Amino acid sequence: MQFSTLKTIGVSLAGLCVAVVVSAQSPGPTAPVGIEKGYGSKSAPIHMEVFSDFQCPACRGLYEATLRQVIANYVATGKVYLIHRDMPLPNHPHARTAARYANAAAKIGKMESVISALYANQDRWSADGNIDAVVASVLTPAEMRQVRELVRAQEIERAIDADVALARQRQVRSTPTIFITHKGRITPLPPGGVSYQLLKQYFDYLLQQ
């Protein structure tokens, strides 16, 4: 996805200042073809993409403090389509394996529970590398058998590689990094965590446009 003829505009909303980068042409679809890793309805007016590394403490903080509330209040109500993007960093030795399990879980419709478990138990599996046990704790034995069969499939690797390529194309340099798409405009938010209250104000502003 190319960002051409970009301009930066300031949006002030009740004391909230957000730098918005606007593309002069339609950016096209927000998701590459592959495994479905979205929460909610694709027809939602706002699409939110989050590039994450499951071994990244800041990504866990964003998920637990912000994304859970976004899912409950904006995704569940059809206002936001939340897309998980994998960006396993080379300095996190277990991050790509965790991404494989999350993608395999997405294939059988269990992404949300597995992602939640990975973040909740991040300290544990980051130390011992036993991601399989963490995932098994939230799936049935039958579901776990499916995940174990899928986890090393080439389709899973391609899905992760597609996200990494998209991150490179968009010049993502750290995790978590968030992109908001609304009415054909892509807004890259500042890298790092963002509070739920800040996102709430921004989403409510966009929904009024």
N, C-alpha and C. Protein backbone atom coordinates (compact mmCIF):
# COMPACT_ATOMS: atom_id res chain seq x y z
N MET A 1 0.84 -1.18 0.00
CA MET A 1 0.00 0.00 0.00
C MET A 1 0.88 1.23 0.00
N GLN A 2 0.72 2.08 -0.98
CA GLN A 2 1.56 3.25 -1.12
C GLN A 2 0.87 4.47 -0.54
N PHE A 3 1.62 5.30 0.16
CA PHE A 3 1.12 6.57 0.64
C PHE A 3 1.71 7.64 -0.27
N SER A 4 0.90 8.14 -1.21
CA SER A 4 1.40 9.13 -2.16
C SER A 4 0.75 10.48 -1.91
N THR A 5 1.48 11.56 -2.26
CA THR A 5 1.04 12.92 -2.08
C THR A 5 0.49 13.12 -0.68
N LEU A 6 1.34 12.87 0.31
CA LEU A 6 0.90 12.93 1.69
C LEU A 6 0.94 14.35 2.21
N LYS A 7 -0.01 14.65 3.07
CA LYS A 7 0.04 15.92 3.78
C LYS A 7 -0.36 15.67 5.22
N THR A 8 0.18 16.47 6.12
CA THR A 8 -0.11 16.31 7.54
C THR A 8 -1.04 17.43 7.98
N ILE A 9 -2.10 17.06 8.65
CA ILE A 9 -3.03 18.05 9.15
C ILE A 9 -3.19 17.84 10.64
N GLY A 10 -3.49 18.89 11.39
CA GLY A 10 -3.72 18.78 12.82
C GLY A 10 -5.19 18.71 13.11
N VAL A 11 -5.61 17.78 13.93
CA VAL A 11 -7.00 17.68 14.34
C VAL A 11 -7.06 17.95 15.82
N SER A 12 -7.82 18.97 16.22
CA SER A 12 -7.96 19.29 17.63
C SER A 12 -9.37 18.97 18.06
N LEU A 13 -9.50 18.18 19.09
CA LEU A 13 -10.82 17.77 19.54
C LEU A 13 -10.82 17.75 21.06
N ALA A 14 -11.47 18.72 21.65
CA ALA A 14 -11.59 18.81 23.11
C ALA A 14 -10.22 18.66 23.79
N GLY A 15 -9.26 19.39 23.25
CA GLY A 15 -7.92 19.33 23.82
C GLY A 15 -7.08 18.19 23.29
N LEU A 16 -7.67 17.35 22.45
CA LEU A 16 -6.94 16.21 21.88
C LEU A 16 -6.32 16.65 20.56
N CYS A 17 -5.01 16.49 20.42
CA CYS A 17 -4.34 16.82 19.17
C CYS A 17 -3.79 15.55 18.57
N VAL A 18 -4.17 15.27 17.35
CA VAL A 18 -3.72 14.07 16.66
C VAL A 18 -3.14 14.48 15.33
N ALA A 19 -1.94 13.99 15.00
CA ALA A 19 -1.36 14.23 13.68
C ALA A 19 -1.95 13.21 12.73
N VAL A 20 -2.58 13.69 11.67
CA VAL A 20 -3.25 12.81 10.73
C VAL A 20 -2.54 12.88 9.39
N VAL A 21 -2.15 11.72 8.86
CA VAL A 21 -1.52 11.65 7.56
C VAL A 21 -2.56 11.17 6.57
N VAL A 22 -2.80 11.95 5.52
CA VAL A 22 -3.88 11.67 4.60
C VAL A 22 -3.34 11.34 3.23
N SER A 23 -3.82 10.27 2.63
CA SER A 23 -3.44 9.91 1.27
C SER A 23 -4.37 10.61 0.30
N ALA A 24 -3.82 11.13 -0.78
CA ALA A 24 -4.63 11.82 -1.78
C ALA A 24 -5.37 10.86 -2.68
N GLN A 25 -5.04 9.57 -2.61
CA GLN A 25 -5.76 8.59 -3.41
C GLN A 25 -6.22 7.46 -2.52
N SER A 26 -7.21 6.72 -2.98
CA SER A 26 -7.75 5.62 -2.19
C SER A 26 -6.65 4.62 -1.87
N PRO A 27 -6.51 4.22 -0.59
CA PRO A 27 -5.43 3.33 -0.22
C PRO A 27 -5.67 1.88 -0.55
N GLY A 28 -6.87 1.53 -0.99
CA GLY A 28 -7.17 0.13 -1.29
C GLY A 28 -7.52 -0.62 -0.03
N PRO A 29 -7.64 -1.93 -0.10
CA PRO A 29 -8.04 -2.72 1.06
C PRO A 29 -7.00 -2.67 2.16
N THR A 30 -7.46 -2.78 3.42
CA THR A 30 -6.55 -2.69 4.55
C THR A 30 -5.98 -4.04 4.94
N ALA A 31 -6.40 -5.12 4.31
CA ALA A 31 -5.92 -6.45 4.70
C ALA A 31 -5.43 -7.22 3.50
N PRO A 32 -4.19 -7.72 3.53
CA PRO A 32 -3.74 -8.57 2.45
C PRO A 32 -4.49 -9.89 2.48
N VAL A 33 -4.57 -10.54 1.33
CA VAL A 33 -5.25 -11.83 1.26
C VAL A 33 -4.52 -12.84 2.13
N GLY A 34 -5.25 -13.62 2.91
CA GLY A 34 -4.62 -14.61 3.77
C GLY A 34 -5.55 -15.01 4.89
N ILE A 35 -4.99 -15.38 6.02
CA ILE A 35 -5.77 -15.82 7.17
C ILE A 35 -6.53 -14.64 7.76
N GLU A 36 -7.79 -14.87 8.07
CA GLU A 36 -8.63 -13.82 8.65
C GLU A 36 -8.22 -13.57 10.10
N LYS A 37 -7.73 -12.36 10.38
CA LYS A 37 -7.26 -12.04 11.72
C LYS A 37 -7.91 -10.77 12.23
N GLY A 38 -9.20 -10.62 11.92
CA GLY A 38 -9.92 -9.44 12.33
C GLY A 38 -10.98 -9.74 13.38
N TYR A 39 -11.29 -8.72 14.16
CA TYR A 39 -12.38 -8.79 15.13
C TYR A 39 -13.51 -7.90 14.62
N GLY A 40 -14.73 -8.42 14.60
CA GLY A 40 -15.86 -7.59 14.24
C GLY A 40 -16.21 -7.66 12.77
N SER A 41 -16.91 -6.62 12.31
CA SER A 41 -17.44 -6.58 10.95
C SER A 41 -16.53 -5.78 10.02
N LYS A 42 -16.25 -6.36 8.86
CA LYS A 42 -15.44 -5.64 7.87
C LYS A 42 -16.15 -4.40 7.34
N SER A 43 -17.47 -4.34 7.51
CA SER A 43 -18.23 -3.19 7.03
C SER A 43 -18.25 -2.04 8.04
N ALA A 44 -17.55 -2.19 9.16
CA ALA A 44 -17.48 -1.12 10.16
C ALA A 44 -16.86 0.13 9.53
N PRO A 45 -17.31 1.32 9.93
CA PRO A 45 -16.79 2.55 9.31
C PRO A 45 -15.33 2.83 9.60
N ILE A 46 -14.81 2.28 10.68
CA ILE A 46 -13.41 2.49 11.05
C ILE A 46 -12.70 1.15 11.06
N HIS A 47 -11.54 1.08 10.42
CA HIS A 47 -10.68 -0.09 10.49
C HIS A 47 -9.44 0.29 11.29
N MET A 48 -9.09 -0.54 12.25
CA MET A 48 -7.94 -0.30 13.11
C MET A 48 -6.98 -1.48 12.99
N GLU A 49 -5.79 -1.22 12.48
CA GLU A 49 -4.76 -2.26 12.34
C GLU A 49 -3.71 -2.06 13.42
N VAL A 50 -3.36 -3.15 14.09
CA VAL A 50 -2.35 -3.09 15.15
C VAL A 50 -1.23 -4.06 14.82
N PHE A 51 -0.05 -3.53 14.56
CA PHE A 51 1.14 -4.35 14.34
C PHE A 51 1.74 -4.68 15.71
N SER A 52 1.81 -5.97 16.02
CA SER A 52 2.20 -6.41 17.36
C SER A 52 3.21 -7.54 17.33
N ASP A 53 3.89 -7.68 18.45
CA ASP A 53 4.80 -8.79 18.73
C ASP A 53 4.32 -9.37 20.05
N PHE A 54 3.97 -10.65 20.07
CA PHE A 54 3.38 -11.23 21.27
C PHE A 54 4.32 -11.26 22.47
N GLN A 55 5.62 -11.13 22.23
CA GLN A 55 6.59 -11.13 23.33
C GLN A 55 6.93 -9.71 23.78
N CYS A 56 6.31 -8.73 23.18
CA CYS A 56 6.57 -7.32 23.47
C CYS A 56 5.73 -6.85 24.66
N PRO A 57 6.35 -6.42 25.77
CA PRO A 57 5.58 -5.96 26.93
C PRO A 57 4.65 -4.79 26.62
N ALA A 58 5.08 -3.87 25.76
CA ALA A 58 4.23 -2.74 25.40
C ALA A 58 2.99 -3.19 24.63
N CYS A 59 3.13 -4.24 23.83
CA CYS A 59 1.98 -4.79 23.10
C CYS A 59 0.99 -5.43 24.07
N ARG A 60 1.51 -6.12 25.06
CA ARG A 60 0.63 -6.68 26.09
C ARG A 60 -0.11 -5.55 26.82
N GLY A 61 0.61 -4.50 27.18
CA GLY A 61 -0.02 -3.37 27.86
C GLY A 61 -1.12 -2.74 27.03
N LEU A 62 -0.87 -2.57 25.73
CA LEU A 62 -1.88 -2.00 24.84
C LEU A 62 -3.10 -2.91 24.78
N TYR A 63 -2.87 -4.21 24.64
CA TYR A 63 -3.98 -5.15 24.54
C TYR A 63 -4.83 -5.13 25.81
N GLU A 64 -4.18 -5.20 26.96
CA GLU A 64 -4.93 -5.32 28.21
C GLU A 64 -5.59 -4.02 28.64
N ALA A 65 -4.93 -2.88 28.41
CA ALA A 65 -5.47 -1.61 28.88
C ALA A 65 -6.35 -0.90 27.87
N THR A 66 -6.12 -1.16 26.58
CA THR A 66 -6.82 -0.39 25.54
C THR A 66 -7.66 -1.26 24.63
N LEU A 67 -7.06 -2.29 24.04
CA LEU A 67 -7.77 -3.05 23.00
C LEU A 67 -8.96 -3.82 23.55
N ARG A 68 -8.88 -4.30 24.77
CA ARG A 68 -10.03 -5.00 25.35
C ARG A 68 -11.26 -4.08 25.38
N GLN A 69 -11.03 -2.82 25.76
CA GLN A 69 -12.14 -1.86 25.81
C GLN A 69 -12.61 -1.47 24.41
N VAL A 70 -11.67 -1.38 23.47
CA VAL A 70 -12.07 -1.11 22.08
C VAL A 70 -12.96 -2.23 21.57
N ILE A 71 -12.58 -3.48 21.85
CA ILE A 71 -13.37 -4.63 21.42
C ILE A 71 -14.77 -4.58 22.03
N ALA A 72 -14.85 -4.28 23.32
CA ALA A 72 -16.14 -4.28 24.01
C ALA A 72 -17.04 -3.14 23.57
N ASN A 73 -16.47 -1.96 23.34
CA ASN A 73 -17.29 -0.77 23.12
C ASN A 73 -17.40 -0.31 21.67
N TYR A 74 -16.46 -0.71 20.83
CA TYR A 74 -16.50 -0.25 19.43
C TYR A 74 -16.57 -1.40 18.43
N VAL A 75 -15.86 -2.48 18.70
CA VAL A 75 -15.93 -3.63 17.79
C VAL A 75 -17.27 -4.34 17.93
N ALA A 76 -17.67 -4.61 19.16
CA ALA A 76 -18.92 -5.34 19.40
C ALA A 76 -20.15 -4.57 18.93
N THR A 77 -20.03 -3.25 18.82
CA THR A 77 -21.15 -2.42 18.38
C THR A 77 -21.10 -2.10 16.89
N GLY A 78 -20.14 -2.70 16.17
CA GLY A 78 -20.08 -2.53 14.72
C GLY A 78 -19.44 -1.24 14.25
N LYS A 79 -18.76 -0.53 15.13
CA LYS A 79 -18.16 0.75 14.76
C LYS A 79 -16.72 0.63 14.29
N VAL A 80 -16.03 -0.40 14.79
CA VAL A 80 -14.61 -0.59 14.47
C VAL A 80 -14.36 -2.04 14.08
N TYR A 81 -13.58 -2.22 13.02
CA TYR A 81 -13.07 -3.54 12.65
C TYR A 81 -11.60 -3.55 13.04
N LEU A 82 -11.25 -4.40 14.00
CA LEU A 82 -9.90 -4.46 14.55
C LEU A 82 -9.12 -5.59 13.89
N ILE A 83 -7.98 -5.26 13.31
CA ILE A 83 -7.17 -6.23 12.57
C ILE A 83 -5.83 -6.43 13.28
N HIS A 84 -5.54 -7.68 13.60
CA HIS A 84 -4.23 -8.01 14.18
C HIS A 84 -3.21 -8.21 13.06
N ARG A 85 -2.05 -7.58 13.19
CA ARG A 85 -0.94 -7.76 12.26
C ARG A 85 0.27 -8.29 13.03
N ASP A 86 0.92 -9.29 12.49
CA ASP A 86 2.10 -9.86 13.13
C ASP A 86 3.37 -9.14 12.72
N MET A 87 4.16 -8.76 13.73
CA MET A 87 5.48 -8.19 13.47
C MET A 87 6.44 -8.72 14.53
N PRO A 88 6.75 -10.02 14.49
CA PRO A 88 7.67 -10.60 15.48
C PRO A 88 9.07 -10.01 15.32
N LEU A 89 9.59 -9.48 16.40
CA LEU A 89 10.89 -8.81 16.35
C LEU A 89 12.03 -9.82 16.57
N PRO A 90 13.16 -9.60 15.91
CA PRO A 90 14.27 -10.58 15.99
C PRO A 90 14.86 -10.72 17.39
N ASN A 91 14.72 -9.71 18.24
CA ASN A 91 15.28 -9.80 19.58
C ASN A 91 14.37 -10.54 20.56
N HIS A 92 13.21 -11.01 20.08
CA HIS A 92 12.30 -11.81 20.90
C HIS A 92 12.26 -13.23 20.34
N PRO A 93 13.01 -14.15 20.94
CA PRO A 93 13.21 -15.48 20.33
C PRO A 93 11.96 -16.33 20.19
N HIS A 94 10.92 -16.07 20.99
CA HIS A 94 9.72 -16.90 20.92
C HIS A 94 8.55 -16.20 20.21
N ALA A 95 8.78 -14.99 19.73
CA ALA A 95 7.68 -14.20 19.18
C ALA A 95 7.09 -14.81 17.92
N ARG A 96 7.93 -15.31 17.03
CA ARG A 96 7.40 -15.87 15.79
C ARG A 96 6.64 -17.17 16.05
N THR A 97 7.12 -17.97 16.98
CA THR A 97 6.39 -19.19 17.32
C THR A 97 5.01 -18.84 17.88
N ALA A 98 4.96 -17.83 18.74
CA ALA A 98 3.67 -17.38 19.27
C ALA A 98 2.76 -16.92 18.14
N ALA A 99 3.32 -16.21 17.17
CA ALA A 99 2.53 -15.76 16.02
C ALA A 99 2.00 -16.95 15.23
N ARG A 100 2.80 -18.00 15.10
CA ARG A 100 2.34 -19.20 14.39
C ARG A 100 1.11 -19.80 15.09
N TYR A 101 1.18 -19.90 16.40
CA TYR A 101 0.05 -20.45 17.14
C TYR A 101 -1.19 -19.56 17.01
N ALA A 102 -1.00 -18.25 17.07
CA ALA A 102 -2.14 -17.33 16.94
C ALA A 102 -2.78 -17.43 15.56
N ASN A 103 -1.96 -17.55 14.53
CA ASN A 103 -2.48 -17.69 13.17
C ASN A 103 -3.18 -19.03 12.98
N ALA A 104 -2.62 -20.09 13.55
CA ALA A 104 -3.26 -21.40 13.48
C ALA A 104 -4.61 -21.36 14.19
N ALA A 105 -4.66 -20.68 15.33
CA ALA A 105 -5.92 -20.53 16.06
C ALA A 105 -6.94 -19.73 15.25
N ALA A 106 -6.45 -18.71 14.54
CA ALA A 106 -7.35 -17.92 13.69
C ALA A 106 -7.99 -18.79 12.61
N LYS A 107 -7.25 -19.75 12.11
CA LYS A 107 -7.77 -20.65 11.07
C LYS A 107 -8.97 -21.45 11.56
N ILE A 108 -9.03 -21.73 12.85
CA ILE A 108 -10.15 -22.52 13.37
C ILE A 108 -11.12 -21.65 14.18
N GLY A 109 -11.00 -20.32 14.04
CA GLY A 109 -11.93 -19.41 14.69
C GLY A 109 -11.70 -19.20 16.18
N LYS A 110 -10.47 -19.41 16.65
CA LYS A 110 -10.17 -19.28 18.07
C LYS A 110 -9.09 -18.25 18.34
N MET A 111 -8.93 -17.29 17.46
CA MET A 111 -7.87 -16.31 17.59
C MET A 111 -7.99 -15.49 18.87
N GLU A 112 -9.19 -15.01 19.17
CA GLU A 112 -9.35 -14.09 20.29
C GLU A 112 -8.95 -14.72 21.61
N SER A 113 -9.38 -15.95 21.86
CA SER A 113 -9.05 -16.60 23.13
C SER A 113 -7.56 -16.91 23.22
N VAL A 114 -6.94 -17.27 22.10
CA VAL A 114 -5.51 -17.58 22.11
C VAL A 114 -4.67 -16.32 22.29
N ILE A 115 -5.02 -15.25 21.60
CA ILE A 115 -4.28 -14.00 21.78
C ILE A 115 -4.38 -13.53 23.23
N SER A 116 -5.57 -13.61 23.80
CA SER A 116 -5.75 -13.22 25.20
C SER A 116 -4.85 -14.05 26.12
N ALA A 117 -4.79 -15.35 25.88
CA ALA A 117 -3.96 -16.24 26.71
C ALA A 117 -2.47 -15.94 26.52
N LEU A 118 -2.06 -15.66 25.29
CA LEU A 118 -0.64 -15.36 25.04
C LEU A 118 -0.20 -14.12 25.80
N TYR A 119 -1.03 -13.08 25.78
CA TYR A 119 -0.66 -11.87 26.51
C TYR A 119 -0.75 -12.06 28.02
N ALA A 120 -1.78 -12.75 28.49
CA ALA A 120 -1.95 -12.95 29.93
C ALA A 120 -0.79 -13.75 30.53
N ASN A 121 -0.22 -14.65 29.74
CA ASN A 121 0.86 -15.53 30.22
C ASN A 121 2.20 -15.20 29.58
N GLN A 122 2.36 -13.97 29.13
CA GLN A 122 3.57 -13.59 28.39
C GLN A 122 4.85 -13.84 29.18
N ASP A 123 4.86 -13.49 30.45
CA ASP A 123 6.07 -13.67 31.26
C ASP A 123 6.47 -15.14 31.33
N ARG A 124 5.47 -16.00 31.44
CA ARG A 124 5.72 -17.43 31.59
C ARG A 124 6.35 -18.04 30.34
N TRP A 125 5.68 -17.87 29.20
CA TRP A 125 6.20 -18.53 28.00
C TRP A 125 7.42 -17.81 27.42
N SER A 126 7.57 -16.52 27.74
CA SER A 126 8.79 -15.82 27.32
C SER A 126 10.01 -16.41 28.01
N ALA A 127 9.79 -16.91 29.24
CA ALA A 127 10.90 -17.49 30.00
C ALA A 127 11.20 -18.93 29.61
N ASP A 128 10.14 -19.73 29.42
CA ASP A 128 10.39 -21.16 29.16
C ASP A 128 10.12 -21.61 27.73
N GLY A 129 9.52 -20.74 26.91
CA GLY A 129 9.26 -21.08 25.51
C GLY A 129 8.13 -22.06 25.30
N ASN A 130 7.41 -22.42 26.36
CA ASN A 130 6.35 -23.43 26.24
C ASN A 130 5.02 -22.77 25.85
N ILE A 131 4.96 -22.32 24.62
CA ILE A 131 3.75 -21.68 24.11
C ILE A 131 2.63 -22.69 23.94
N ASP A 132 2.99 -23.90 23.57
CA ASP A 132 2.00 -24.95 23.34
C ASP A 132 1.11 -25.15 24.57
N ALA A 133 1.71 -25.16 25.75
CA ALA A 133 0.94 -25.38 26.97
C ALA A 133 -0.03 -24.23 27.25
N VAL A 134 0.40 -23.02 26.97
CA VAL A 134 -0.46 -21.85 27.18
C VAL A 134 -1.67 -21.91 26.25
N VAL A 135 -1.43 -22.23 25.00
CA VAL A 135 -2.52 -22.31 24.02
C VAL A 135 -3.45 -23.47 24.37
N ALA A 136 -2.89 -24.59 24.78
CA ALA A 136 -3.70 -25.76 25.14
C ALA A 136 -4.63 -25.48 26.31
N SER A 137 -4.26 -24.52 27.16
CA SER A 137 -5.07 -24.22 28.34
C SER A 137 -6.40 -23.56 28.00
N VAL A 138 -6.53 -23.02 26.78
CA VAL A 138 -7.78 -22.33 26.42
C VAL A 138 -8.51 -22.99 25.25
N LEU A 139 -8.00 -24.13 24.77
CA LEU A 139 -8.64 -24.84 23.67
C LEU A 139 -9.04 -26.24 24.12
N THR A 140 -10.01 -26.81 23.43
CA THR A 140 -10.37 -28.20 23.68
C THR A 140 -9.29 -29.10 23.09
N PRO A 141 -9.21 -30.36 23.53
CA PRO A 141 -8.22 -31.27 22.93
C PRO A 141 -8.36 -31.38 21.41
N ALA A 142 -9.59 -31.40 20.91
CA ALA A 142 -9.80 -31.49 19.46
C ALA A 142 -9.29 -30.24 18.75
N GLU A 143 -9.56 -29.07 19.33
CA GLU A 143 -9.08 -27.82 18.75
C GLU A 143 -7.56 -27.77 18.78
N MET A 144 -6.98 -28.25 19.86
CA MET A 144 -5.53 -28.22 19.99
C MET A 144 -4.86 -29.12 18.97
N ARG A 145 -5.49 -30.25 18.68
CA ARG A 145 -4.94 -31.13 17.64
C ARG A 145 -4.91 -30.41 16.30
N GLN A 146 -5.96 -29.66 16.00
CA GLN A 146 -6.00 -28.90 14.75
C GLN A 146 -4.91 -27.84 14.72
N VAL A 147 -4.74 -27.14 15.82
CA VAL A 147 -3.73 -26.09 15.88
C VAL A 147 -2.33 -26.67 15.70
N ARG A 148 -2.06 -27.79 16.34
CA ARG A 148 -0.73 -28.41 16.22
C ARG A 148 -0.45 -28.87 14.80
N GLU A 149 -1.48 -29.28 14.09
CA GLU A 149 -1.30 -29.67 12.70
C GLU A 149 -1.03 -28.46 11.81
N LEU A 150 -1.65 -27.33 12.16
CA LEU A 150 -1.55 -26.14 11.33
C LEU A 150 -0.31 -25.30 11.60
N VAL A 151 0.24 -25.41 12.81
CA VAL A 151 1.19 -24.41 13.28
C VAL A 151 2.45 -24.31 12.41
N ARG A 152 2.84 -25.37 11.73
CA ARG A 152 4.03 -25.31 10.88
C ARG A 152 3.69 -25.34 9.39
N ALA A 153 2.43 -25.13 9.07
CA ALA A 153 2.02 -25.12 7.67
C ALA A 153 2.58 -23.89 6.95
N GLN A 154 2.87 -24.05 5.68
CA GLN A 154 3.39 -22.93 4.89
C GLN A 154 2.40 -21.77 4.82
N GLU A 155 1.12 -22.08 4.86
CA GLU A 155 0.10 -21.02 4.86
C GLU A 155 0.27 -20.09 6.06
N ILE A 156 0.62 -20.67 7.19
CA ILE A 156 0.83 -19.87 8.40
C ILE A 156 2.05 -18.97 8.24
N GLU A 157 3.13 -19.54 7.73
CA GLU A 157 4.35 -18.74 7.50
C GLU A 157 4.08 -17.61 6.51
N ARG A 158 3.32 -17.91 5.46
CA ARG A 158 3.03 -16.87 4.46
C ARG A 158 2.20 -15.74 5.06
N ALA A 159 1.27 -16.08 5.94
CA ALA A 159 0.44 -15.05 6.57
C ALA A 159 1.28 -14.12 7.43
N ILE A 160 2.20 -14.69 8.19
CA ILE A 160 3.09 -13.86 9.01
C ILE A 160 4.00 -13.02 8.13
N ASP A 161 4.57 -13.64 7.11
CA ASP A 161 5.46 -12.92 6.20
C ASP A 161 4.73 -11.77 5.49
N ALA A 162 3.45 -11.98 5.17
CA ALA A 162 2.67 -10.92 4.51
C ALA A 162 2.51 -9.72 5.43
N ASP A 163 2.28 -9.97 6.71
CA ASP A 163 2.17 -8.86 7.66
C ASP A 163 3.50 -8.15 7.82
N VAL A 164 4.59 -8.91 7.89
CA VAL A 164 5.91 -8.30 8.03
C VAL A 164 6.24 -7.46 6.80
N ALA A 165 5.88 -7.96 5.62
CA ALA A 165 6.12 -7.19 4.39
C ALA A 165 5.30 -5.91 4.38
N LEU A 166 4.06 -5.99 4.86
CA LEU A 166 3.22 -4.79 4.93
C LEU A 166 3.80 -3.79 5.92
N ALA A 167 4.31 -4.28 7.03
CA ALA A 167 4.95 -3.40 8.01
C ALA A 167 6.16 -2.69 7.41
N ARG A 168 6.95 -3.45 6.65
CA ARG A 168 8.12 -2.86 6.00
C ARG A 168 7.69 -1.80 4.98
N GLN A 169 6.64 -2.11 4.22
CA GLN A 169 6.15 -1.18 3.21
C GLN A 169 5.67 0.12 3.85
N ARG A 170 5.08 -0.01 5.03
CA ARG A 170 4.57 1.18 5.73
C ARG A 170 5.60 1.80 6.66
N GLN A 171 6.81 1.27 6.62
CA GLN A 171 7.91 1.80 7.42
C GLN A 171 7.64 1.73 8.92
N VAL A 172 7.02 0.64 9.33
CA VAL A 172 6.81 0.39 10.76
C VAL A 172 8.14 -0.02 11.37
N ARG A 173 8.54 0.63 12.44
CA ARG A 173 9.85 0.38 13.02
C ARG A 173 9.79 -0.18 14.44
N SER A 174 8.62 -0.20 15.04
CA SER A 174 8.51 -0.70 16.41
C SER A 174 7.10 -1.20 16.66
N THR A 175 6.96 -1.93 17.74
CA THR A 175 5.64 -2.42 18.13
C THR A 175 5.31 -1.89 19.53
N PRO A 176 4.01 -1.64 19.78
CA PRO A 176 2.91 -1.72 18.82
C PRO A 176 2.83 -0.47 17.96
N THR A 177 2.37 -0.63 16.74
CA THR A 177 2.10 0.49 15.84
C THR A 177 0.68 0.34 15.30
N ILE A 178 -0.05 1.44 15.31
CA ILE A 178 -1.48 1.43 14.95
C ILE A 178 -1.73 2.27 13.72
N PHE A 179 -2.57 1.75 12.83
CA PHE A 179 -3.07 2.50 11.68
C PHE A 179 -4.59 2.52 11.74
N ILE A 180 -5.16 3.70 11.53
CA ILE A 180 -6.62 3.85 11.49
C ILE A 180 -7.01 4.21 10.07
N THR A 181 -7.98 3.50 9.51
CA THR A 181 -8.51 3.82 8.18
C THR A 181 -9.97 4.22 8.31
N HIS A 182 -10.30 5.39 7.76
CA HIS A 182 -11.67 5.90 7.81
C HIS A 182 -11.94 6.70 6.54
N LYS A 183 -12.96 6.30 5.82
CA LYS A 183 -13.35 6.97 4.57
C LYS A 183 -12.18 7.09 3.60
N GLY A 184 -11.41 6.02 3.47
CA GLY A 184 -10.31 6.00 2.51
C GLY A 184 -9.04 6.70 2.96
N ARG A 185 -9.02 7.16 4.19
CA ARG A 185 -7.84 7.86 4.70
C ARG A 185 -7.15 7.01 5.76
N ILE A 186 -5.86 6.88 5.64
CA ILE A 186 -5.07 6.10 6.59
C ILE A 186 -4.35 7.05 7.55
N THR A 187 -4.52 6.80 8.84
CA THR A 187 -3.86 7.59 9.86
C THR A 187 -2.91 6.72 10.66
N PRO A 188 -1.60 6.87 10.50
CA PRO A 188 -0.67 6.17 11.38
C PRO A 188 -0.55 6.92 12.70
N LEU A 189 -0.89 6.28 13.79
CA LEU A 189 -0.75 6.92 15.09
C LEU A 189 0.70 6.86 15.54
N PRO A 190 1.09 7.71 16.47
CA PRO A 190 2.47 7.66 16.97
C PRO A 190 2.79 6.27 17.51
N PRO A 191 3.99 5.77 17.27
CA PRO A 191 4.35 4.42 17.75
C PRO A 191 4.22 4.31 19.26
N GLY A 192 3.96 3.10 19.71
CA GLY A 192 3.85 2.84 21.14
C GLY A 192 2.39 2.76 21.57
N GLY A 193 2.19 2.64 22.85
CA GLY A 193 0.85 2.50 23.39
C GLY A 193 0.06 3.80 23.31
N VAL A 194 -1.25 3.65 23.28
CA VAL A 194 -2.16 4.79 23.30
C VAL A 194 -3.29 4.44 24.26
N SER A 195 -3.71 5.41 25.04
CA SER A 195 -4.74 5.13 26.04
C SER A 195 -6.10 4.93 25.39
N TYR A 196 -6.95 4.20 26.08
CA TYR A 196 -8.31 3.99 25.58
C TYR A 196 -9.05 5.32 25.47
N GLN A 197 -8.88 6.19 26.46
CA GLN A 197 -9.60 7.47 26.43
C GLN A 197 -9.21 8.30 25.22
N LEU A 198 -7.94 8.27 24.85
CA LEU A 198 -7.49 9.01 23.67
C LEU A 198 -8.12 8.43 22.41
N LEU A 199 -8.10 7.10 22.29
CA LEU A 199 -8.72 6.46 21.13
C LEU A 199 -10.22 6.71 21.10
N LYS A 200 -10.86 6.67 22.24
CA LYS A 200 -12.30 6.90 22.31
C LYS A 200 -12.66 8.28 21.74
N GLN A 201 -11.92 9.30 22.16
CA GLN A 201 -12.17 10.64 21.65
C GLN A 201 -11.97 10.69 20.14
N TYR A 202 -10.92 10.04 19.69
CA TYR A 202 -10.62 10.06 18.25
C TYR A 202 -11.67 9.30 17.46
N PHE A 203 -12.06 8.12 17.92
CA PHE A 203 -13.10 7.36 17.23
C PHE A 203 -14.41 8.13 17.19
N ASP A 204 -14.79 8.73 18.31
CA ASP A 204 -16.05 9.48 18.35
C ASP A 204 -16.00 10.66 17.39
N TYR A 205 -14.84 11.29 17.29
CA TYR A 205 -14.67 12.38 16.33
C TYR A 205 -14.87 11.88 14.89
N LEU A 206 -14.21 10.76 14.55
CA LEU A 206 -14.34 10.21 13.20
C LEU A 206 -15.77 9.80 12.89
N LEU A 207 -16.45 9.22 13.85
CA LEU A 207 -17.81 8.74 13.62
C LEU A 207 -18.80 9.87 13.40
N GLN A 208 -18.42 11.08 13.79
CA GLN A 208 -19.29 12.24 13.56
C GLN A 208 -19.07 12.87 12.19
N GLN A 209 -18.01 12.43 11.49
CA GLN A 209 -17.68 13.05 10.20
C GLN A 209 -18.59 12.53 9.09
